[in-house]
Amino acid sequence: MLFHHFFYEQTKISNKTDVAISYLTQIKAEQNSVIKKWKSLDVNSGDALSTQGLLHLYKRYCKSKKCLDCNWGKIFLSENDEAI
């Protein structure tokens, strides 16, 4: 019985997550200074889900200068290294 209850609760959470993601994909992308910085690097976002992801990456990695812990940071650094 406990397994069924656990599975039921996980399904409810998953459904709520799916609904939230669906809403975010229907909302227009934010325009702010952080998103403009991403855009200057040719990273475009078309909806609120994308901008929320980019804002998370900025707060988690860019702000604390953890470029080498971020896949985007590694790409940008390697591209800039080749240009030098």
PDB file of N, CA and C in Angstrom:
ATOM      1  N   MET A   1       0.825  -1.189   0.000  1.00  0.00           N
ATOM      2  CA  MET A   1       0.000   0.000   0.000  1.00  0.00           C
ATOM      3  C   MET A   1       0.874   1.259   0.000  1.00  0.00           C
ATOM      4  N   LEU A   2       1.950   1.245   0.734  1.00  0.00           N
ATOM      5  CA  LEU A   2       2.828   2.404   0.813  1.00  0.00           C
ATOM      6  C   LEU A   2       3.408   2.751  -0.564  1.00  0.00           C
ATOM      7  N   PHE A   3       3.787   1.741  -1.324  1.00  0.00           N
ATOM      8  CA  PHE A   3       4.324   1.956  -2.661  1.00  0.00           C
ATOM      9  C   PHE A   3       3.314   2.674  -3.544  1.00  0.00           C
ATOM     10  N   HIS A   4       2.061   2.247  -3.492  1.00  0.00           N
ATOM     11  CA  HIS A   4       1.012   2.864  -4.310  1.00  0.00           C
ATOM     12  C   HIS A   4       0.813   4.332  -3.920  1.00  0.00           C
ATOM     13  N   HIS A   5       0.850   4.607  -2.624  1.00  0.00           N
ATOM     14  CA  HIS A   5       0.699   5.983  -2.155  1.00  0.00           C
ATOM     15  C   HIS A   5       1.866   6.842  -2.647  1.00  0.00           C
ATOM     16  N   PHE A   6       3.071   6.306  -2.546  1.00  0.00           N
ATOM     17  CA  PHE A   6       4.255   7.018  -3.017  1.00  0.00           C
ATOM     18  C   PHE A   6       4.145   7.318  -4.515  1.00  0.00           C
ATOM     19  N   PHE A   7       3.778   6.308  -5.292  1.00  0.00           N
ATOM     20  CA  PHE A   7       3.646   6.477  -6.739  1.00  0.00           C
ATOM     21  C   PHE A   7       2.577   7.517  -7.071  1.00  0.00           C
ATOM     22  N   TYR A   8       1.473   7.491  -6.360  1.00  0.00           N
ATOM     23  CA  TYR A   8       0.389   8.450  -6.576  1.00  0.00           C
ATOM     24  C   TYR A   8       0.875   9.871  -6.305  1.00  0.00           C
ATOM     25  N   GLU A   9       1.592  10.068  -5.213  1.00  0.00           N
ATOM     26  CA  GLU A   9       2.099  11.396  -4.869  1.00  0.00           C
ATOM     27  C   GLU A   9       3.120  11.879  -5.910  1.00  0.00           C
ATOM     28  N   GLN A  10       3.987  10.997  -6.363  1.00  0.00           N
ATOM     29  CA  GLN A  10       4.963  11.362  -7.388  1.00  0.00           C
ATOM     30  C   GLN A  10       4.261  11.767  -8.682  1.00  0.00           C
ATOM     31  N   THR A  11       3.209  11.069  -9.040  1.00  0.00           N
ATOM     32  CA  THR A  11       2.451  11.385 -10.243  1.00  0.00           C
ATOM     33  C   THR A  11       1.808  12.755 -10.128  1.00  0.00           C
ATOM     34  N   LYS A  12       1.279  13.092  -8.961  1.00  0.00           N
ATOM     35  CA  LYS A  12       0.674  14.414  -8.764  1.00  0.00           C
ATOM     36  C   LYS A  12       1.715  15.510  -8.938  1.00  0.00           C
ATOM     37  N   ILE A  13       2.889  15.318  -8.371  1.00  0.00           N
ATOM     38  CA  ILE A  13       3.962  16.305  -8.492  1.00  0.00           C
ATOM     39  C   ILE A  13       4.380  16.440  -9.957  1.00  0.00           C
ATOM     40  N   SER A  14       4.524  15.320 -10.628  1.00  0.00           N
ATOM     41  CA  SER A  14       4.933  15.329 -12.029  1.00  0.00           C
ATOM     42  C   SER A  14       3.914  16.082 -12.878  1.00  0.00           C
ATOM     43  N   ASN A  15       2.634  15.850 -12.640  1.00  0.00           N
ATOM     44  CA  ASN A  15       1.596  16.532 -13.407  1.00  0.00           C
ATOM     45  C   ASN A  15       1.646  18.037 -13.175  1.00  0.00           C
ATOM     46  N   LYS A  16       1.874  18.460 -11.933  1.00  0.00           N
ATOM     47  CA  LYS A  16       1.971  19.891 -11.638  1.00  0.00           C
ATOM     48  C   LYS A  16       3.185  20.496 -12.322  1.00  0.00           C
ATOM     49  N   THR A  17       4.272  19.763 -12.367  1.00  0.00           N
ATOM     50  CA  THR A  17       5.474  20.234 -13.041  1.00  0.00           C
ATOM     51  C   THR A  17       5.207  20.395 -14.535  1.00  0.00           C
ATOM     52  N   ASP A  18       4.534  19.422 -15.131  1.00  0.00           N
ATOM     53  CA  ASP A  18       4.213  19.492 -16.552  1.00  0.00           C
ATOM     54  C   ASP A  18       3.342  20.703 -16.864  1.00  0.00           C
ATOM     55  N   VAL A  19       2.379  20.986 -15.999  1.00  0.00           N
ATOM     56  CA  VAL A  19       1.502  22.143 -16.194  1.00  0.00           C
ATOM     57  C   VAL A  19       2.311  23.432 -16.100  1.00  0.00           C
ATOM     58  N   ALA A  20       3.195  23.533 -15.108  1.00  0.00           N
ATOM     59  CA  ALA A  20       4.017  24.732 -14.936  1.00  0.00           C
ATOM     60  C   ALA A  20       4.910  24.951 -16.158  1.00  0.00           C
ATOM     61  N   ILE A  21       5.515  23.897 -16.643  1.00  0.00           N
ATOM     62  CA  ILE A  21       6.377  24.002 -17.825  1.00  0.00           C
ATOM     63  C   ILE A  21       5.563  24.430 -19.036  1.00  0.00           C
ATOM     64  N   SER A  22       4.381  23.883 -19.173  1.00  0.00           N
ATOM     65  CA  SER A  22       3.498  24.259 -20.271  1.00  0.00           C
ATOM     66  C   SER A  22       3.167  25.744 -20.229  1.00  0.00           C
ATOM     67  N   TYR A  23       2.862  26.255 -19.042  1.00  0.00           N
ATOM     68  CA  TYR A  23       2.580  27.687 -18.900  1.00  0.00           C
ATOM     69  C   TYR A  23       3.793  28.524 -19.294  1.00  0.00           C
ATOM     70  N   LEU A  24       4.953  28.136 -18.813  1.00  0.00           N
ATOM     71  CA  LEU A  24       6.167  28.913 -19.094  1.00  0.00           C
ATOM     72  C   LEU A  24       6.514  28.945 -20.576  1.00  0.00           C
ATOM     73  N   THR A  25       6.201  27.883 -21.293  1.00  0.00           N
ATOM     74  CA  THR A  25       6.487  27.865 -22.730  1.00  0.00           C
ATOM     75  C   THR A  25       5.510  28.731 -23.517  1.00  0.00           C
ATOM     76  N   GLN A  26       4.391  29.081 -22.904  1.00  0.00           N
ATOM     77  CA  GLN A  26       3.392  29.916 -23.574  1.00  0.00           C
ATOM     78  C   GLN A  26       3.563  31.408 -23.274  1.00  0.00           C
ATOM     79  N   ILE A  27       4.421  31.739 -22.314  1.00  0.00           N
ATOM     80  CA  ILE A  27       4.639  33.129 -21.931  1.00  0.00           C
ATOM     81  C   ILE A  27       5.829  33.691 -22.711  1.00  0.00           C
ATOM     82  N   LYS A  28       5.684  34.922 -23.167  1.00  0.00           N
ATOM     83  CA  LYS A  28       6.738  35.577 -23.932  1.00  0.00           C
ATOM     84  C   LYS A  28       8.019  35.701 -23.094  1.00  0.00           C
ATOM     85  N   ALA A  29       9.148  35.662 -23.767  1.00  0.00           N
ATOM     86  CA  ALA A  29      10.450  35.770 -23.097  1.00  0.00           C
ATOM     87  C   ALA A  29      10.603  37.117 -22.410  1.00  0.00           C
ATOM     88  N   GLU A  30      11.243  37.102 -21.247  1.00  0.00           N
ATOM     89  CA  GLU A  30      11.544  38.334 -20.516  1.00  0.00           C
ATOM     90  C   GLU A  30      12.592  39.138 -21.263  1.00  0.00           C
ATOM     91  N   GLN A  31      12.604  40.425 -21.002  1.00  0.00           N
ATOM     92  CA  GLN A  31      13.665  41.287 -21.519  1.00  0.00           C
ATOM     93  C   GLN A  31      14.259  42.033 -20.329  1.00  0.00           C
ATOM     94  N   ASN A  32      15.494  41.714 -20.002  1.00  0.00           N
ATOM     95  CA  ASN A  32      16.194  42.402 -18.916  1.00  0.00           C
ATOM     96  C   ASN A  32      17.693  42.384 -19.221  1.00  0.00           C
ATOM     97  N   SER A  33      18.473  42.989 -18.358  1.00  0.00           N
ATOM     98  CA  SER A  33      19.909  43.125 -18.630  1.00  0.00           C
ATOM     99  C   SER A  33      20.624  41.782 -18.723  1.00  0.00           C
ATOM    100  N   VAL A  34      20.230  40.820 -17.916  1.00  0.00           N
ATOM    101  CA  VAL A  34      20.883  39.503 -17.958  1.00  0.00           C
ATOM    102  C   VAL A  34      20.573  38.804 -19.276  1.00  0.00           C
ATOM    103  N   ILE A  35      19.329  38.834 -19.695  1.00  0.00           N
ATOM    104  CA  ILE A  35      18.942  38.185 -20.954  1.00  0.00           C
ATOM    105  C   ILE A  35      19.611  38.896 -22.133  1.00  0.00           C
ATOM    106  N   LYS A  36      19.784  40.209 -22.054  1.00  0.00           N
ATOM    107  CA  LYS A  36      20.487  40.947 -23.108  1.00  0.00           C
ATOM    108  C   LYS A  36      21.942  40.506 -23.195  1.00  0.00           C
ATOM    109  N   LYS A  37      22.571  40.219 -22.048  1.00  0.00           N
ATOM    110  CA  LYS A  37      23.954  39.721 -22.060  1.00  0.00           C
ATOM    111  C   LYS A  37      24.034  38.376 -22.767  1.00  0.00           C
ATOM    112  N   TRP A  38      23.080  37.475 -22.462  1.00  0.00           N
ATOM    113  CA  TRP A  38      23.051  36.181 -23.137  1.00  0.00           C
ATOM    114  C   TRP A  38      22.867  36.375 -24.638  1.00  0.00           C
ATOM    115  N   LYS A  39      21.950  37.291 -24.998  1.00  0.00           N
ATOM    116  CA  LYS A  39      21.684  37.530 -26.415  1.00  0.00           C
ATOM    117  C   LYS A  39      22.935  38.038 -27.132  1.00  0.00           C
ATOM    118  N   SER A  40      23.739  38.849 -26.450  1.00  0.00           N
ATOM    119  CA  SER A  40      24.978  39.352 -27.054  1.00  0.00           C
ATOM    120  C   SER A  40      25.960  38.212 -27.338  1.00  0.00           C
ATOM    121  N   LEU A  41      25.767  37.084 -26.664  1.00  0.00           N
ATOM    122  CA  LEU A  41      26.608  35.898 -26.891  1.00  0.00           C
ATOM    123  C   LEU A  41      25.945  34.922 -27.865  1.00  0.00           C
ATOM    124  N   ASP A  42      24.901  35.396 -28.545  1.00  0.00           N
ATOM    125  CA  ASP A  42      24.122  34.594 -29.506  1.00  0.00           C
ATOM    126  C   ASP A  42      23.365  33.443 -28.858  1.00  0.00           C
ATOM    127  N   VAL A  43      22.990  33.608 -27.598  1.00  0.00           N
ATOM    128  CA  VAL A  43      22.137  32.637 -26.910  1.00  0.00           C
ATOM    129  C   VAL A  43      20.763  33.286 -26.806  1.00  0.00           C
ATOM    130  N   ASN A  44      19.838  32.820 -27.628  1.00  0.00           N
ATOM    131  CA  ASN A  44      18.513  33.422 -27.686  1.00  0.00           C
ATOM    132  C   ASN A  44      17.493  32.583 -26.924  1.00  0.00           C
ATOM    133  N   SER A  45      16.496  33.273 -26.408  1.00  0.00           N
ATOM    134  CA  SER A  45      15.423  32.592 -25.698  1.00  0.00           C
ATOM    135  C   SER A  45      14.094  33.081 -26.262  1.00  0.00           C
ATOM    136  N   GLY A  46      13.208  32.150 -26.499  1.00  0.00           N
ATOM    137  CA  GLY A  46      11.938  32.509 -27.116  1.00  0.00           C
ATOM    138  C   GLY A  46      10.754  32.505 -26.183  1.00  0.00           C
ATOM    139  N   ASP A  47      10.946  32.001 -24.973  1.00  0.00           N
ATOM    140  CA  ASP A  47       9.825  31.933 -24.036  1.00  0.00           C
ATOM    141  C   ASP A  47      10.322  32.075 -22.603  1.00  0.00           C
ATOM    142  N   ALA A  48       9.386  32.162 -21.680  1.00  0.00           N
ATOM    143  CA  ALA A  48       9.736  32.368 -20.268  1.00  0.00           C
ATOM    144  C   ALA A  48      10.505  31.174 -19.692  1.00  0.00           C
ATOM    145  N   LEU A  49      10.259  29.980 -20.192  1.00  0.00           N
ATOM    146  CA  LEU A  49      10.995  28.811 -19.703  1.00  0.00           C
ATOM    147  C   LEU A  49      12.489  28.973 -20.000  1.00  0.00           C
ATOM    148  N   SER A  50      12.798  29.400 -21.216  1.00  0.00           N
ATOM    149  CA  SER A  50      14.200  29.608 -21.596  1.00  0.00           C
ATOM    150  C   SER A  50      14.843  30.716 -20.779  1.00  0.00           C
ATOM    151  N   THR A  51      14.132  31.838 -20.606  1.00  0.00           N
ATOM    152  CA  THR A  51      14.731  32.938 -19.853  1.00  0.00           C
ATOM    153  C   THR A  51      14.936  32.563 -18.394  1.00  0.00           C
ATOM    154  N   GLN A  52      14.029  31.792 -17.832  1.00  0.00           N
ATOM    155  CA  GLN A  52      14.219  31.350 -16.447  1.00  0.00           C
ATOM    156  C   GLN A  52      15.449  30.466 -16.333  1.00  0.00           C
ATOM    157  N   GLY A  53      15.669  29.624 -17.324  1.00  0.00           N
ATOM    158  CA  GLY A  53      16.870  28.785 -17.336  1.00  0.00           C
ATOM    159  C   GLY A  53      18.140  29.615 -17.440  1.00  0.00           C
ATOM    160  N   LEU A  54      18.118  30.615 -18.305  1.00  0.00           N
ATOM    161  CA  LEU A  54      19.289  31.476 -18.458  1.00  0.00           C
ATOM    162  C   LEU A  54      19.548  32.301 -17.207  1.00  0.00           C
ATOM    163  N   LEU A  55      18.481  32.774 -16.563  1.00  0.00           N
ATOM    164  CA  LEU A  55      18.648  33.513 -15.309  1.00  0.00           C
ATOM    165  C   LEU A  55      19.242  32.620 -14.220  1.00  0.00           C
ATOM    166  N   HIS A  56      18.803  31.367 -14.190  1.00  0.00           N
ATOM    167  CA  HIS A  56      19.351  30.420 -13.214  1.00  0.00           C
ATOM    168  C   HIS A  56      20.841  30.207 -13.458  1.00  0.00           C
ATOM    169  N   LEU A  57      21.221  29.991 -14.718  1.00  0.00           N
ATOM    170  CA  LEU A  57      22.636  29.795 -15.035  1.00  0.00           C
ATOM    171  C   LEU A  57      23.456  31.013 -14.643  1.00  0.00           C
ATOM    172  N   TYR A  58      22.927  32.208 -14.930  1.00  0.00           N
ATOM    173  CA  TYR A  58      23.641  33.433 -14.587  1.00  0.00           C
ATOM    174  C   TYR A  58      23.863  33.533 -13.081  1.00  0.00           C
ATOM    175  N   LYS A  59      22.800  33.311 -12.320  1.00  0.00           N
ATOM    176  CA  LYS A  59      22.907  33.425 -10.856  1.00  0.00           C
ATOM    177  C   LYS A  59      23.807  32.344 -10.267  1.00  0.00           C
ATOM    178  N   ARG A  60      23.747  31.150 -10.831  1.00  0.00           N
ATOM    179  CA  ARG A  60      24.488  30.007 -10.277  1.00  0.00           C
ATOM    180  C   ARG A  60      25.968  30.027 -10.662  1.00  0.00           C
ATOM    181  N   TYR A  61      26.246  30.396 -11.913  1.00  0.00           N
ATOM    182  CA  TYR A  61      27.615  30.273 -12.404  1.00  0.00           C
ATOM    183  C   TYR A  61      28.277  31.614 -12.732  1.00  0.00           C
ATOM    184  N   CYS A  62      27.611  32.452 -13.515  1.00  0.00           N
ATOM    185  CA  CYS A  62      28.246  33.695 -13.973  1.00  0.00           C
ATOM    186  C   CYS A  62      28.546  34.645 -12.825  1.00  0.00           C
ATOM    187  N   LYS A  63      27.555  34.865 -11.995  1.00  0.00           N
ATOM    188  CA  LYS A  63      27.722  35.821 -10.900  1.00  0.00           C
ATOM    189  C   LYS A  63      28.852  35.427  -9.954  1.00  0.00           C
ATOM    190  N   SER A  64      28.996  34.138  -9.718  1.00  0.00           N
ATOM    191  CA  SER A  64      30.036  33.667  -8.803  1.00  0.00           C
ATOM    192  C   SER A  64      31.316  33.248  -9.539  1.00  0.00           C
ATOM    193  N   LYS A  65      31.379  33.572 -10.836  1.00  0.00           N
ATOM    194  CA  LYS A  65      32.557  33.312 -11.671  1.00  0.00           C
ATOM    195  C   LYS A  65      33.002  31.838 -11.639  1.00  0.00           C
ATOM    196  N   LYS A  66      32.025  30.972 -11.803  1.00  0.00           N
ATOM    197  CA  LYS A  66      32.298  29.530 -11.847  1.00  0.00           C
ATOM    198  C   LYS A  66      32.163  29.021 -13.281  1.00  0.00           C
ATOM    199  N   CYS A  67      32.801  29.715 -14.196  1.00  0.00           N
ATOM    200  CA  CYS A  67      32.696  29.407 -15.618  1.00  0.00           C
ATOM    201  C   CYS A  67      33.066  27.953 -15.936  1.00  0.00           C
ATOM    202  N   LEU A  68      34.113  27.461 -15.288  1.00  0.00           N
ATOM    203  CA  LEU A  68      34.585  26.104 -15.597  1.00  0.00           C
ATOM    204  C   LEU A  68      33.663  25.015 -15.047  1.00  0.00           C
ATOM    205  N   ASP A  69      32.722  25.395 -14.188  1.00  0.00           N
ATOM    206  CA  ASP A  69      31.728  24.439 -13.690  1.00  0.00           C
ATOM    207  C   ASP A  69      30.483  24.416 -14.570  1.00  0.00           C
ATOM    208  N   CYS A  70      30.424  25.300 -15.551  1.00  0.00           N
ATOM    209  CA  CYS A  70      29.245  25.468 -16.409  1.00  0.00           C
ATOM    210  C   CYS A  70      29.579  25.043 -17.831  1.00  0.00           C
ATOM    211  N   ASN A  71      28.721  24.257 -18.445  1.00  0.00           N
ATOM    212  CA  ASN A  71      28.979  23.819 -19.821  1.00  0.00           C
ATOM    213  C   ASN A  71      29.035  24.987 -20.792  1.00  0.00           C
ATOM    214  N   TRP A  72      28.135  25.972 -20.635  1.00  0.00           N
ATOM    215  CA  TRP A  72      28.183  27.162 -21.494  1.00  0.00           C
ATOM    216  C   TRP A  72      29.500  27.905 -21.281  1.00  0.00           C
ATOM    217  N   GLY A  73      29.901  28.073 -20.040  1.00  0.00           N
ATOM    218  CA  GLY A  73      31.139  28.774 -19.736  1.00  0.00           C
ATOM    219  C   GLY A  73      32.330  28.122 -20.405  1.00  0.00           C
ATOM    220  N   LYS A  74      32.383  26.809 -20.372  1.00  0.00           N
ATOM    221  CA  LYS A  74      33.476  26.079 -21.024  1.00  0.00           C
ATOM    222  C   LYS A  74      33.480  26.339 -22.532  1.00  0.00           C
ATOM    223  N   ILE A  75      32.294  26.361 -23.116  1.00  0.00           N
ATOM    224  CA  ILE A  75      32.191  26.616 -24.567  1.00  0.00           C
ATOM    225  C   ILE A  75      32.668  28.024 -24.883  1.00  0.00           C
ATOM    226  N   PHE A  76      32.168  29.010 -24.134  1.00  0.00           N
ATOM    227  CA  PHE A  76      32.568  30.389 -24.397  1.00  0.00           C
ATOM    228  C   PHE A  76      34.065  30.592 -24.219  1.00  0.00           C
ATOM    229  N   LEU A  77      34.626  30.015 -23.175  1.00  0.00           N
ATOM    230  CA  LEU A  77      36.060  30.169 -22.931  1.00  0.00           C
ATOM    231  C   LEU A  77      36.886  29.503 -24.022  1.00  0.00           C
ATOM    232  N   SER A  78      36.455  28.328 -24.482  1.00  0.00           N
ATOM    233  CA  SER A  78      37.226  27.644 -25.517  1.00  0.00           C
ATOM    234  C   SER A  78      37.125  28.386 -26.845  1.00  0.00           C
ATOM    235  N   GLU A  79      35.963  29.001 -27.148  1.00  0.00           N
ATOM    236  CA  GLU A  79      35.832  29.781 -28.373  1.00  0.00           C
ATOM    237  C   GLU A  79      36.712  31.020 -28.307  1.00  0.00           C
ATOM    238  N   ASN A  80      36.733  31.688 -27.165  1.00  0.00           N
ATOM    239  CA  ASN A  80      37.553  32.883 -27.023  1.00  0.00           C
ATOM    240  C   ASN A  80      39.034  32.543 -27.042  1.00  0.00           C
ATOM    241  N   ASP A  81      39.406  31.385 -26.517  1.00  0.00           N
ATOM    242  CA  ASP A  81      40.799  30.951 -26.509  1.00  0.00           C
ATOM    243  C   ASP A  81      41.291  30.733 -27.943  1.00  0.00           C
ATOM    244  N   GLU A  82      40.429  30.161 -28.802  1.00  0.00           N
ATOM    245  CA  GLU A  82      40.806  29.905 -30.177  1.00  0.00           C
ATOM    246  C   GLU A  82      40.952  31.203 -30.958  1.00  0.00           C
ATOM    247  N   ALA A  83      40.185  32.226 -30.567  1.00  0.00           N
ATOM    248  CA  ALA A  83      40.222  33.505 -31.282  1.00  0.00           C
ATOM    249  C   ALA A  83      41.500  34.292 -30.956  1.00  0.00           C
ATOM    250  N   ILE A  84      42.171  33.961 -29.851  1.00  0.00           N
ATOM    251  CA  ILE A  84      43.359  34.713 -29.431  1.00  0.00           C
ATOM    252  C   ILE A  84      44.570  34.303 -30.186  1.00  0.00           C
TER     253      ILE A  84
END
